[in-house]
Amino acid sequence: MAADGGVQSVRRAIGLLGCLGGGDASLSLSDLSRRMGLSTSTTHRLARTLTAAGFLEQEDRTGRYRLGPSITELGQLSFHRRGLHRVAPELAELARITSATVDLAVRNDRHAVILSGGSLNPDSGVGLRRPLHSTALGKVLLAWDPEGGADLEALGPLR
């Protein structure tokens, strides 16, 4: 067990997936190792395990890793089971009427995660995650926290 009570290998696997959540569509094993601060052998074992489970894929030609179909499946299940897919027509109509960018986002810790809307750039991943304090959308999520948990102290230092 890790010092914070979590399982180190699980934290590392999640971190490895997180490396591919930014602007890079695929990364080499050495890139992943460097970003994670892990040895190549440890990173390779993690990547091999995640690939076997479908959470990563390895490109045949380059050997680089990218997010796999299991990630897509879980994301789609979450999106639909929450009923979020039902708002697409309203988002489109609101964008048309206002000529403004309209987004749907949920709070994830200190970030607004944009799930649908005009701010998304699916090719690059840019726009998917933004600090709560630095966007109007994030401030709305803080102001209307359904559980009253908008603990501003928990946001830590704001850049």
Protein backbone atom coordinates (compact mmCIF):
# COMPACT_ATOMS: atom_id res chain seq x y z
CA MET A 1 0.00 0.00 0.00
CA ALA A 2 1.14 3.50 -0.73
CA ALA A 3 1.64 6.12 1.95
CA ASP A 4 -1.69 7.82 1.17
CA GLY A 5 -3.62 4.57 1.56
CA GLY A 6 -3.96 3.92 -2.16
CA VAL A 7 -2.52 1.06 -4.13
CA GLN A 8 0.64 2.26 -5.86
CA SER A 9 0.23 0.13 -8.99
CA VAL A 10 -3.34 1.38 -9.49
CA ARG A 11 -2.23 5.00 -9.06
CA ARG A 12 0.54 4.41 -11.57
CA ALA A 13 -1.82 2.78 -14.09
CA ILE A 14 -4.25 5.69 -13.78
CA GLY A 15 -1.34 8.10 -14.18
CA LEU A 16 -0.24 6.30 -17.32
CA LEU A 17 -3.72 6.68 -18.81
CA GLY A 18 -3.69 10.33 -17.77
CA CYS A 19 -0.52 10.91 -19.80
CA LEU A 20 -2.59 10.24 -22.91
CA GLY A 21 -5.43 12.54 -21.86
CA GLY A 22 -3.72 15.72 -23.00
CA GLY A 23 -2.76 16.91 -26.44
CA ASP A 24 -0.78 13.81 -27.48
CA ALA A 25 -2.75 11.17 -29.39
CA SER A 26 -0.01 8.61 -28.82
CA LEU A 27 3.23 8.33 -26.88
CA SER A 28 6.26 6.08 -27.02
CA LEU A 29 7.22 3.89 -24.09
CA SER A 30 10.16 6.17 -23.32
CA ASP A 31 7.87 9.25 -23.38
CA LEU A 32 5.49 7.54 -20.96
CA SER A 33 8.39 6.50 -18.70
CA ARG A 34 9.77 10.02 -18.64
CA ARG A 35 6.39 11.62 -17.90
CA MET A 36 5.65 9.12 -15.15
CA GLY A 37 9.15 9.25 -13.65
CA LEU A 38 9.31 5.45 -13.78
CA SER A 39 11.78 3.00 -15.20
CA THR A 40 11.12 1.74 -18.71
CA SER A 41 10.62 -1.81 -17.43
CA THR A 42 7.97 -0.74 -14.90
CA THR A 43 6.22 1.41 -17.50
CA HIS A 44 6.32 -1.47 -19.98
CA ARG A 45 4.67 -3.85 -17.48
CA LEU A 46 1.94 -1.32 -16.74
CA ALA A 47 1.37 -0.59 -20.44
CA ARG A 48 1.28 -4.31 -21.28
CA THR A 49 -1.35 -4.92 -18.57
CA LEU A 50 -3.47 -1.96 -19.69
CA THR A 51 -3.17 -3.07 -23.33
CA ALA A 52 -4.31 -6.60 -22.48
CA ALA A 53 -7.40 -5.12 -20.80
CA GLY A 54 -8.13 -2.84 -23.78
CA PHE A 55 -7.42 0.41 -21.94
CA LEU A 56 -4.41 1.07 -24.19
CA GLU A 57 -3.58 0.08 -27.75
CA GLN A 58 -0.15 -0.23 -29.27
CA GLU A 59 0.25 1.04 -32.81
CA ASP A 60 1.64 -1.66 -35.09
CA ARG A 61 3.84 0.58 -37.19
CA THR A 62 5.41 2.77 -34.49
CA GLY A 63 4.91 0.81 -31.26
CA ARG A 64 3.48 3.97 -29.66
CA TYR A 65 0.62 3.72 -27.20
CA ARG A 66 -2.80 5.37 -27.43
CA LEU A 67 -6.05 5.11 -25.49
CA GLY A 68 -7.92 1.89 -26.21
CA PRO A 69 -11.53 0.86 -26.77
CA SER A 70 -12.23 0.04 -23.12
CA ILE A 71 -11.74 3.72 -22.28
CA THR A 72 -14.23 4.69 -24.98
CA GLU A 73 -16.73 2.10 -23.82
CA LEU A 74 -16.63 3.25 -20.20
CA GLY A 75 -16.83 6.90 -21.21
CA GLN A 76 -19.84 6.29 -23.42
CA LEU A 77 -21.56 4.22 -20.72
CA SER A 78 -21.04 6.98 -18.16
CA PHE A 79 -22.22 9.67 -20.57
CA HIS A 80 -25.41 7.80 -21.47
CA ARG A 81 -26.21 6.38 -18.05
CA ARG A 82 -26.11 9.89 -16.63
CA GLY A 83 -28.53 10.95 -19.37
CA LEU A 84 -26.10 13.58 -20.64
CA HIS A 85 -26.64 12.61 -24.28
CA ARG A 86 -30.18 14.02 -24.05
CA VAL A 87 -28.98 17.63 -23.86
CA ALA A 88 -27.34 17.75 -27.30
CA PRO A 89 -30.38 19.28 -29.07
CA GLU A 90 -30.75 21.95 -26.37
CA LEU A 91 -27.05 22.81 -26.53
CA ALA A 92 -27.25 23.18 -30.30
CA GLU A 93 -30.37 25.34 -30.07
CA LEU A 94 -28.88 27.57 -27.38
CA ALA A 95 -25.71 28.02 -29.43
CA ARG A 96 -27.79 28.89 -32.49
CA ILE A 97 -29.96 31.43 -30.66
CA THR A 98 -27.11 33.14 -28.79
CA SER A 99 -24.33 32.75 -31.38
CA ALA A 100 -22.17 31.83 -28.40
CA THR A 101 -20.12 28.80 -27.51
CA VAL A 102 -22.19 26.42 -25.40
CA ASP A 103 -20.68 23.57 -23.39
CA LEU A 104 -21.78 20.80 -21.06
CA ALA A 105 -19.33 20.06 -18.25
CA VAL A 106 -19.12 18.20 -14.96
CA ARG A 107 -16.91 18.88 -11.99
CA ASN A 108 -14.00 16.55 -11.36
CA ASP A 109 -12.06 17.62 -8.30
CA ARG A 110 -10.48 21.00 -9.14
CA HIS A 111 -11.47 20.92 -12.80
CA ALA A 112 -14.42 21.35 -15.12
CA VAL A 113 -14.42 18.46 -17.58
CA ILE A 114 -16.16 19.48 -20.79
CA LEU A 115 -18.17 16.58 -22.19
CA SER A 116 -19.92 18.21 -25.11
CA GLY A 117 -20.05 21.54 -26.86
CA GLY A 118 -18.31 24.10 -28.99
CA SER A 119 -15.12 24.38 -26.92
CA LEU A 120 -14.05 20.82 -27.59
CA ASN A 121 -11.29 20.01 -30.02
CA PRO A 122 -11.59 16.21 -30.19
CA ASP A 123 -8.51 15.82 -32.38
CA SER A 124 -6.15 17.42 -29.89
CA GLY A 125 -7.96 16.88 -26.59
CA VAL A 126 -7.61 20.61 -25.96
CA GLY A 127 -10.47 22.02 -23.97
CA LEU A 128 -11.48 18.87 -22.16
CA ARG A 129 -10.26 19.85 -18.67
CA ARG A 130 -10.03 23.34 -17.25
CA PRO A 131 -9.36 24.66 -13.75
CA LEU A 132 -12.63 25.57 -12.01
CA HIS A 133 -11.46 29.02 -10.95
CA SER A 134 -10.28 30.20 -14.35
CA THR A 135 -13.39 29.79 -16.50
CA ALA A 136 -16.98 31.00 -16.34
CA LEU A 137 -18.10 27.40 -16.70
CA GLY A 138 -16.01 26.34 -13.71
CA LYS A 139 -17.37 29.19 -11.62
CA VAL A 140 -20.92 28.10 -12.43
CA LEU A 141 -20.08 24.57 -11.28
CA LEU A 142 -18.71 25.99 -8.02
CA ALA A 143 -21.62 28.36 -7.46
CA TRP A 144 -24.31 25.73 -8.02
CA ASP A 145 -22.66 22.75 -6.37
CA PRO A 146 -25.66 20.48 -5.61
CA GLU A 147 -24.14 19.15 -2.43
CA GLY A 148 -22.92 22.46 -1.09
CA GLY A 149 -19.37 21.19 -1.37
CA ALA A 150 -17.88 24.21 -3.09
CA ASP A 151 -15.03 24.34 -0.58
CA LEU A 152 -12.86 27.05 -2.08
CA GLU A 153 -10.01 26.23 0.31
CA ALA A 154 -9.81 22.76 -1.26
CA LEU A 155 -8.93 24.35 -4.60
CA GLY A 156 -5.50 25.18 -3.23
CA PRO A 157 -3.31 27.88 -4.78
CA LEU A 158 -4.92 29.42 -7.84
CA ARG A 159 -2.73 30.21 -10.83
